[in-house]
C-alpha atoms as a PDB file:
ATOM      1  CA  UNK A   1     -66.121 -46.818  24.026  1.00  0.00           C
ATOM      2  CA  UNK A   2     -65.840 -43.092  25.153  1.00  0.00           C
ATOM      3  CA  UNK A   3     -65.996 -40.135  22.505  1.00  0.00           C
ATOM      4  CA  UNK A   4     -63.982 -37.149  23.021  1.00  0.00           C
ATOM      5  CA  UNK A   5     -65.910 -33.831  22.868  1.00  0.00           C
ATOM      6  CA  UNK A   6     -64.753 -33.350  19.224  1.00  0.00           C
ATOM      7  CA  UNK A   7     -65.750 -36.550  18.247  1.00  0.00           C
ATOM      8  CA  UNK A   8     -69.281 -35.998  19.368  1.00  0.00           C
ATOM      9  CA  UNK A   9     -69.609 -32.689  17.639  1.00  0.00           C
ATOM     10  CA  UNK A  10     -68.383 -34.304  14.527  1.00  0.00           C
ATOM     11  CA  UNK A  11     -70.848 -37.101  15.060  1.00  0.00           C
ATOM     12  CA  UNK A  12     -73.599 -34.560  15.615  1.00  0.00           C
ATOM     13  CA  UNK A  13     -72.915 -32.700  12.549  1.00  0.00           C
ATOM     14  CA  UNK A  14     -73.073 -35.740  10.505  1.00  0.00           C
ATOM     15  CA  UNK A  15     -76.653 -36.596  12.075  1.00  0.00           C
ATOM     16  CA  UNK A  16     -77.916 -32.971  11.409  1.00  0.00           C
ATOM     17  CA  UNK A  17     -76.535 -32.895   7.693  1.00  0.00           C
ATOM     18  CA  UNK A  18     -78.316 -36.112   6.968  1.00  0.00           C
ATOM     19  CA  UNK A  19     -81.367 -35.235   8.749  1.00  0.00           C
ATOM     20  CA  UNK A  20     -81.650 -31.470   6.969  1.00  0.00           C
ATOM     21  CA  UNK A  21     -81.493 -33.621   3.705  1.00  0.00           C
ATOM     22  CA  UNK A  22     -84.235 -35.968   4.649  1.00  0.00           C
ATOM     23  CA  UNK A  23     -87.821 -35.706   4.007  1.00  0.00           C
ATOM     24  CA  UNK A  24     -88.680 -34.602   7.658  1.00  0.00           C
ATOM     25  CA  UNK A  25     -85.509 -32.382   7.897  1.00  0.00           C
ATOM     26  CA  UNK A  26     -86.738 -30.598   4.613  1.00  0.00           C
ATOM     27  CA  UNK A  27     -90.318 -29.936   6.516  1.00  0.00           C
ATOM     28  CA  UNK A  28     -88.635 -28.823   9.743  1.00  0.00           C
ATOM     29  CA  UNK A  29     -86.935 -26.365   7.582  1.00  0.00           C
ATOM     30  CA  UNK A  30     -90.176 -24.876   6.549  1.00  0.00           C
ATOM     31  CA  UNK A  31     -91.821 -24.721   9.979  1.00  0.00           C
ATOM     32  CA  UNK A  32     -90.757 -21.305  11.628  1.00  0.00           C
ATOM     33  CA  UNK A  33     -90.215 -22.812  14.998  1.00  0.00           C
ATOM     34  CA  UNK A  34     -88.309 -20.041  16.459  1.00  0.00           C
ATOM     35  CA  UNK A  35     -90.904 -17.200  15.589  1.00  0.00           C
ATOM     36  CA  UNK A  36     -93.546 -19.509  16.839  1.00  0.00           C
ATOM     37  CA  UNK A  37     -91.403 -20.032  20.136  1.00  0.00           C
ATOM     38  CA  UNK A  38     -90.927 -16.145  20.400  1.00  0.00           C
ATOM     39  CA  UNK A  39     -94.750 -15.678  20.409  1.00  0.00           C
ATOM     40  CA  UNK A  40     -95.355 -18.568  23.053  1.00  0.00           C
ATOM     41  CA  UNK A  41     -92.654 -16.931  25.192  1.00  0.00           C
ATOM     42  CA  UNK A  42     -94.052 -13.691  25.167  1.00  0.00           C
ATOM     43  CA  UNK A  43     -97.233 -14.840  26.476  1.00  0.00           C
ATOM     44  CA  UNK A  44     -95.991 -17.453  28.647  1.00  0.00           C
ATOM     45  CA  UNK A  45     -97.343 -18.244  31.928  1.00  0.00           C
ATOM     46  CA  UNK A  46     -94.970 -18.101  34.937  1.00  0.00           C
ATOM     47  CA  UNK A  47     -94.554 -21.940  35.906  1.00  0.00           C
ATOM     48  CA  UNK A  48     -93.053 -22.539  39.321  1.00  0.00           C
ATOM     49  CA  UNK A  49     -89.155 -23.512  39.137  1.00  0.00           C
ATOM     50  CA  UNK A  50     -88.749 -27.631  38.852  1.00  0.00           C
ATOM     51  CA  UNK A  51     -86.322 -29.759  36.854  1.00  0.00           C
ATOM     52  CA  UNK A  52     -85.061 -28.693  33.865  1.00  0.00           C
ATOM     53  CA  UNK A  53     -87.488 -29.421  30.797  1.00  0.00           C
ATOM     54  CA  UNK A  54     -86.162 -32.012  28.337  1.00  0.00           C
ATOM     55  CA  UNK A  55     -87.656 -29.767  25.336  1.00  0.00           C
ATOM     56  CA  UNK A  56     -87.114 -26.297  24.519  1.00  0.00           C
ATOM     57  CA  UNK A  57     -90.280 -24.375  23.517  1.00  0.00           C
ATOM     58  CA  UNK A  58     -89.193 -24.862  19.965  1.00  0.00           C
ATOM     59  CA  UNK A  59     -88.621 -28.429  20.743  1.00  0.00           C
ATOM     60  CA  UNK A  60     -92.120 -28.958  22.277  1.00  0.00           C
ATOM     61  CA  UNK A  61     -93.782 -27.404  19.397  1.00  0.00           C
ATOM     62  CA  UNK A  62     -91.796 -29.522  17.083  1.00  0.00           C
ATOM     63  CA  UNK A  63     -93.192 -32.674  19.262  1.00  0.00           C
ATOM     64  CA  UNK A  64     -96.592 -31.253  18.614  1.00  0.00           C
ATOM     65  CA  UNK A  65     -95.808 -31.036  14.796  1.00  0.00           C
ATOM     66  CA  UNK A  66     -94.849 -34.642  14.995  1.00  0.00           C
ATOM     67  CA  UNK A  67     -97.796 -36.020  17.017  1.00  0.00           C
ATOM     68  CA  UNK A  68    -100.123 -34.414  14.316  1.00  0.00           C
ATOM     69  CA  UNK A  69     -98.043 -35.546  11.475  1.00  0.00           C
ATOM     70  CA  UNK A  70     -97.222 -39.168  12.539  1.00  0.00           C
ATOM     71  CA  UNK A  71    -100.922 -39.871  13.876  1.00  0.00           C
ATOM     72  CA  UNK A  72     -98.955 -42.051  16.651  1.00  0.00           C
ATOM     73  CA  UNK A  73    -100.622 -42.479  20.102  1.00  0.00           C
ATOM     74  CA  UNK A  74     -98.736 -40.305  22.768  1.00  0.00           C
ATOM     75  CA  UNK A  75     -96.831 -43.571  23.967  1.00  0.00           C
ATOM     76  CA  UNK A  76     -96.088 -44.947  20.271  1.00  0.00           C
ATOM     77  CA  UNK A  77     -94.858 -41.164  19.708  1.00  0.00           C
ATOM     78  CA  UNK A  78     -92.267 -41.545  22.788  1.00  0.00           C
ATOM     79  CA  UNK A  79     -91.390 -44.938  21.619  1.00  0.00           C
ATOM     80  CA  UNK A  80     -90.591 -43.658  18.175  1.00  0.00           C
ATOM     81  CA  UNK A  81     -88.681 -40.618  19.663  1.00  0.00           C
ATOM     82  CA  UNK A  82     -86.491 -42.852  21.773  1.00  0.00           C
ATOM     83  CA  UNK A  83     -85.628 -44.688  18.829  1.00  0.00           C
ATOM     84  CA  UNK A  84     -85.777 -42.322  15.617  1.00  0.00           C
ATOM     85  CA  UNK A  85     -83.125 -39.829  15.333  1.00  0.00           C
ATOM     86  CA  UNK A  86     -84.899 -37.764  12.914  1.00  0.00           C
ATOM     87  CA  UNK A  87     -87.522 -37.260  15.609  1.00  0.00           C
ATOM     88  CA  UNK A  88     -84.859 -36.418  18.030  1.00  0.00           C
ATOM     89  CA  UNK A  89     -83.364 -33.603  15.743  1.00  0.00           C
ATOM     90  CA  UNK A  90     -86.774 -32.422  14.936  1.00  0.00           C
ATOM     91  CA  UNK A  91     -87.596 -31.707  18.593  1.00  0.00           C
ATOM     92  CA  UNK A  92     -84.122 -30.174  18.912  1.00  0.00           C
ATOM     93  CA  UNK A  93     -82.638 -33.217  21.101  1.00  0.00           C
ATOM     94  CA  UNK A  94     -79.148 -34.469  20.388  1.00  0.00           C
ATOM     95  CA  UNK A  95     -79.471 -38.172  19.233  1.00  0.00           C
ATOM     96  CA  UNK A  96     -79.027 -39.975  22.310  1.00  0.00           C
ATOM     97  CA  UNK A  97     -77.719 -43.632  21.766  1.00  0.00           C
ATOM     98  CA  UNK A  98     -78.091 -44.939  25.316  1.00  0.00           C
ATOM     99  CA  UNK A  99     -80.868 -42.716  27.048  1.00  0.00           C
ATOM    100  CA  UNK A 100     -84.591 -42.380  26.325  1.00  0.00           C
ATOM    101  CA  UNK A 101     -87.519 -40.568  27.495  1.00  0.00           C
ATOM    102  CA  UNK A 102     -89.036 -42.233  30.420  1.00  0.00           C
ATOM    103  CA  UNK A 103     -91.909 -39.603  31.044  1.00  0.00           C
ATOM    104  CA  UNK A 104     -95.128 -41.413  29.660  1.00  0.00           C
ATOM    105  CA  UNK A 105     -97.398 -38.234  29.957  1.00  0.00           C
ATOM    106  CA  UNK A 106     -94.669 -35.383  28.305  1.00  0.00           C
ATOM    107  CA  UNK A 107     -96.554 -35.570  25.000  1.00  0.00           C
ATOM    108  CA  UNK A 108     -99.838 -34.794  26.746  1.00  0.00           C
ATOM    109  CA  UNK A 109     -98.412 -32.344  29.097  1.00  0.00           C
ATOM    110  CA  UNK A 110     -97.181 -30.190  26.077  1.00  0.00           C
ATOM    111  CA  UNK A 111    -100.318 -30.781  24.730  1.00  0.00           C
ATOM    112  CA  UNK A 112    -102.074 -29.254  27.866  1.00  0.00           C
ATOM    113  CA  UNK A 113     -99.590 -26.462  28.397  1.00  0.00           C
ATOM    114  CA  UNK A 114    -100.975 -24.290  26.163  1.00  0.00           C
END
């Protein structure tokens, strides 16, 4: 089945509305991720250009909040992120039905980045 653009947008808005009313969404609403990301951007070390990152700075910070809150190992956090659309939205990702994060070290790299 192929979704048209307007169907995808409606699909995403339903996910976002449900997410914001969930316990995790309410927590997300209280964390100033944008302001934290602005602080990190101002102090960001220049990195060589490469592939486009999966996460924005806000998403990477969200990933670190989830890591701490969940108490999961890095591998288990990635598995949960691949299967839980609440976790995906917390990290600024659109819910992906047929895609997943295959990078086993992405959580560790975000932790070491700063």
